[in-house]
Protein backbone atom coordinates (compact mmCIF):
# COMPACT_ATOMS: atom_id res chain seq x y z
CA MET A 1 -1.07 -11.70 -43.64
CA SER A 2 -3.04 -8.65 -42.69
CA LEU A 3 -3.22 -7.32 -39.14
CA ALA A 4 -6.11 -4.97 -39.96
CA PRO A 5 -8.86 -7.42 -38.49
CA TYR A 6 -6.86 -7.45 -35.19
CA VAL A 7 -6.52 -3.72 -34.74
CA PRO A 8 -9.19 -3.49 -31.95
CA LEU A 9 -7.37 -6.30 -30.05
CA ILE A 10 -3.98 -4.68 -30.62
CA VAL A 11 -5.29 -1.25 -29.38
CA HIS A 12 -6.69 -2.97 -26.34
CA GLY A 13 -3.32 -4.62 -25.66
CA VAL A 14 -1.54 -1.36 -26.03
CA MET A 15 -3.96 0.31 -23.56
CA VAL A 16 -3.41 -2.42 -20.92
CA THR A 17 0.34 -2.04 -21.41
CA ILE A 18 0.22 1.72 -20.94
CA ALA A 19 -2.11 1.35 -17.96
CA ALA A 20 0.22 -1.10 -16.18
CA TRP A 21 3.22 1.01 -16.91
CA LEU A 22 1.77 4.22 -15.68
CA ILE A 23 0.37 2.70 -12.53
CA ALA A 24 3.51 0.90 -11.65
CA GLY A 25 5.56 3.91 -12.57
CA PHE A 26 3.55 6.14 -10.37
CA PHE A 27 3.84 3.93 -7.30
CA SER A 28 7.48 3.06 -7.91
CA LEU A 29 8.41 6.79 -8.11
CA LEU A 30 6.24 7.64 -4.97
CA VAL A 31 7.59 4.81 -2.82
CA GLY A 32 11.11 4.94 -4.24
CA THR A 33 11.46 8.65 -3.55
CA ILE A 34 10.23 8.32 0.01
CA LEU A 35 12.52 5.33 0.71
CA GLY A 36 15.50 7.02 -1.10
CA VAL A 37 15.12 10.09 1.04
CA LEU A 38 14.89 8.01 4.25
CA ILE A 39 18.10 6.01 3.58
CA SER A 40 20.17 8.94 2.31
CA ARG A 41 23.29 9.77 4.26
CA ARG A 42 21.81 13.08 5.64
CA LEU A 43 18.55 11.61 6.94
CA ALA A 44 19.26 7.88 7.65
CA LEU A 45 17.68 6.65 10.86
CA ARG A 46 19.58 3.55 11.81
CA LYS A 47 16.78 1.20 12.85
CA LEU A 48 14.43 2.33 10.09
CA SER A 49 17.09 2.32 7.40
CA ILE A 50 17.89 -1.37 8.14
CA PHE A 51 14.32 -2.36 7.15
CA ILE A 52 14.31 -0.08 4.17
CA ARG A 53 17.57 -1.56 3.00
CA ILE A 54 16.12 -5.00 3.29
CA TYR A 55 13.15 -3.95 1.21
CA VAL A 56 15.47 -2.44 -1.48
CA PHE A 57 17.58 -5.61 -1.35
CA ILE A 58 14.59 -7.91 -2.00
CA ALA A 59 13.13 -5.65 -4.59
CA LYS A 60 16.34 -5.51 -6.58
CA GLY A 61 17.66 -8.94 -5.82
CA ILE A 62 14.67 -10.94 -7.17
CA PRO A 63 13.81 -10.81 -10.99
CA ALA A 64 10.73 -9.05 -11.91
CA TYR A 65 9.36 -12.21 -13.43
CA VAL A 66 9.65 -14.09 -10.09
CA HIS A 67 8.12 -11.07 -8.30
CA ILE A 68 5.10 -11.43 -10.55
CA LEU A 69 4.78 -15.16 -9.95
CA ILE A 70 4.97 -14.70 -6.12
CA ALA A 71 2.41 -11.87 -6.26
CA TYR A 72 0.02 -13.86 -8.37
CA PHE A 73 0.44 -17.40 -7.00
CA VAL A 74 2.22 -17.51 -3.68
CA ILE A 75 0.77 -14.58 -1.74
CA PRO A 76 -2.94 -15.31 -2.51
CA ALA A 77 -2.34 -18.91 -1.60
CA LEU A 78 -0.78 -17.93 1.67
CA PHE A 79 -3.37 -15.43 2.75
CA GLY A 80 -6.41 -17.08 1.21
CA PHE A 81 -7.62 -14.37 -1.17
CA LYS A 82 -7.95 -13.96 -4.96
CA ILE A 83 -6.23 -11.28 -7.05
CA SER A 84 -6.45 -10.34 -10.72
CA GLY A 85 -3.42 -10.89 -12.88
CA PHE A 86 -3.25 -7.26 -13.83
CA VAL A 87 -3.19 -6.01 -10.16
CA ALA A 88 -0.77 -8.74 -9.06
CA ALA A 89 1.63 -8.04 -11.94
CA THR A 90 1.37 -4.26 -11.72
CA GLY A 91 1.99 -4.33 -8.03
CA ALA A 92 4.98 -6.61 -8.41
CA LEU A 93 6.51 -4.32 -11.08
CA ALA A 94 5.97 -1.29 -8.88
CA PHE A 95 7.64 -3.09 -5.92
CA CYS A 96 10.55 -4.24 -8.02
CA SER A 97 11.05 -0.81 -9.69
CA SER A 98 10.69 1.08 -6.39
CA GLY A 99 13.90 -0.56 -5.17
CA TYR A 100 15.82 0.87 -8.07
CA VAL A 101 14.22 4.28 -7.78
CA ALA A 102 15.18 4.36 -4.10
CA GLU A 103 18.81 3.78 -4.91
CA ILE A 104 18.71 6.53 -7.61
CA ILE A 105 17.20 8.99 -5.20
CA ARG A 106 19.58 8.06 -2.39
CA ALA A 107 22.64 8.45 -4.66
CA GLY A 108 21.39 11.79 -5.91
CA ILE A 109 20.79 13.13 -2.36
CA ASN A 110 24.15 11.99 -1.19
CA ALA A 111 25.80 13.74 -4.13
CA ILE A 112 24.44 17.12 -3.10
CA PRO A 113 27.32 19.19 -1.49
CA ARG A 114 27.23 19.42 2.22
CA GLY A 115 27.47 23.17 2.00
CA GLN A 116 23.96 23.45 0.66
CA TRP A 117 22.56 21.56 3.62
CA ASP A 118 24.52 23.76 5.92
CA ALA A 119 23.27 26.89 4.18
CA CYS A 120 19.68 25.70 4.64
CA MET A 121 20.21 25.13 8.35
CA VAL A 122 21.86 28.59 8.71
CA LEU A 123 18.84 30.15 6.97
CA GLY A 124 16.58 28.44 9.44
CA TYR A 125 15.00 25.98 6.98
CA PRO A 126 13.54 22.91 8.74
CA LEU A 127 14.69 19.62 7.19
CA TYR A 128 11.35 19.01 5.41
CA HIS A 129 11.34 22.48 3.77
CA ALA A 130 15.08 22.19 2.86
CA LEU A 131 14.26 18.89 1.09
CA ARG A 132 11.08 20.11 -0.69
CA ARG A 133 12.23 23.59 -1.72
CA VAL A 134 15.94 23.19 -2.22
CA MET A 135 17.21 19.64 -2.48
CA LEU A 136 14.51 17.64 -4.44
CA PRO A 137 14.08 20.17 -7.32
CA GLN A 138 17.78 20.15 -8.18
CA LEU A 139 17.98 16.43 -7.40
CA PHE A 140 15.41 15.51 -10.01
CA LYS A 141 17.23 17.57 -12.59
CA ALA A 142 20.44 15.62 -11.94
CA ILE A 143 18.93 12.24 -12.00
CA LEU A 144 16.56 12.64 -14.96
CA PRO A 145 18.58 10.34 -17.25
CA ALA A 146 18.68 7.58 -14.58
CA LEU A 147 14.98 7.85 -13.80
CA PHE A 148 14.04 7.83 -17.56
CA GLY A 149 16.19 4.76 -17.97
CA GLU A 150 14.46 2.93 -15.12
CA PHE A 151 11.00 3.87 -16.46
CA GLU A 152 11.98 2.71 -19.99
CA GLN A 153 13.08 -0.64 -18.48
CA LEU A 154 9.78 -0.72 -16.59
CA LEU A 155 7.88 -0.23 -19.86
CA LYS A 156 9.64 -3.28 -21.36
CA SER A 157 8.99 -5.28 -18.18
CA THR A 158 5.21 -4.97 -18.71
CA SER A 159 5.62 -7.72 -21.37
CA LEU A 160 5.99 -10.12 -18.41
CA LEU A 161 2.31 -9.64 -17.71
CA ALA A 162 1.81 -12.03 -20.55
CA THR A 163 3.21 -14.92 -18.50
CA ILE A 164 0.15 -14.98 -16.22
CA GLY A 165 -2.40 -14.39 -18.97
CA VAL A 166 -2.92 -10.68 -18.83
CA THR A 167 -3.78 -9.52 -22.36
CA GLU A 168 -1.37 -6.74 -22.72
CA LEU A 169 0.51 -6.06 -25.98
CA THR A 170 2.74 -9.14 -26.00
CA ARG A 171 -0.02 -11.51 -24.94
CA THR A 172 -2.30 -10.09 -27.59
CA GLY A 173 0.40 -10.85 -30.15
CA MET A 174 0.71 -14.42 -28.92
CA ASN A 175 -3.01 -14.87 -29.22
CA ILE A 176 -2.94 -13.55 -32.86
CA ILE A 177 -0.07 -15.90 -33.69
CA SER A 178 -1.94 -18.89 -32.32
CA ARG A 179 -4.75 -18.10 -34.80
CA GLU A 180 -2.69 -17.08 -37.85
CA LEU A 181 0.40 -19.23 -37.30
CA ASN A 182 2.58 -16.45 -38.77
CA PRO A 183 4.75 -15.00 -36.08
CA LEU A 184 7.03 -12.70 -38.09
CA PRO A 185 4.67 -9.73 -38.86
CA VAL A 186 3.16 -9.95 -35.34
CA TYR A 187 6.48 -9.88 -33.49
CA LEU A 188 7.73 -7.05 -35.85
CA MET A 189 4.59 -5.07 -35.03
CA ILE A 190 5.14 -5.56 -31.23
CA ALA A 191 8.81 -4.57 -31.55
CA CYS A 192 7.91 -1.44 -33.48
CA ILE A 193 5.27 -0.41 -30.91
CA TYR A 194 7.76 -0.69 -28.03
CA LEU A 195 10.34 1.17 -30.03
CA PHE A 196 7.75 3.91 -30.62
CA PHE A 197 7.19 4.30 -26.89
CA SER A 198 10.93 4.25 -26.20
CA ALA A 199 11.45 7.05 -28.76
CA ILE A 200 8.73 9.14 -27.05
CA LEU A 201 10.61 8.65 -23.77
CA HIS A 202 13.86 9.70 -25.37
CA VAL A 203 12.33 12.80 -26.77
CA LEU A 204 10.87 13.72 -23.46
CA LEU A 205 14.23 13.22 -21.77
CA ILE A 206 15.94 15.46 -24.33
CA TYR A 207 13.26 18.11 -23.94
CA SER A 208 13.50 17.95 -20.17
CA GLU A 209 17.26 18.26 -20.23
CA ARG A 210 17.17 21.22 -22.62
CA LYS A 211 14.51 22.89 -20.56
CA THR A 212 16.61 22.37 -17.43
CA ILE A 213 19.69 23.91 -19.07
CA HIS A 214 17.82 26.86 -20.31
CA GLY A 215 16.17 27.29 -16.86
CA ASN A 216 19.54 27.38 -15.10
CA ARG A 217 20.87 30.30 -17.31
């Protein structure tokens, strides 16, 4: 079996996968960072942190697959509107991933020695400037492996878009198999593409860690 006739379909599936991953990753990092900062030990506001912890609990406690089904079937039915499968699934993945990112950020901030906070206060840094200029730069260096691991998992989770008919990589492969009735080369191709993207992420992680080490010398 030759996959050459299906190259345009495969490329389209790969592009949809990358788009879903990048969009979900951007919003999960943005929201997760904000929430992680707000529930950190240094900044936690009691009433607000309760709601944030409930958010994180729901995001982490429900499987991504169920989040996608709720976003695509339940929420539109409850509120009476239509939503595309891509938007619903991408939003659900971002919501789910943001809970894990929030916990990573929270743990990273809590691990920063209290002396650094005290030094910033002595120097007259407002809390916002202490976070932006001192804490967050060193925080992201420390949590890079955990963040890369979460985004690698998010990349794999994009395959769940296939369950609601979004023609990302996995769904494209399923459509090819339904025509050719030969799953082996198709699934091998899909596995190799995901491994390729994972390899890129690992290379980027190694490069970032080495750059961080050289930058600290």
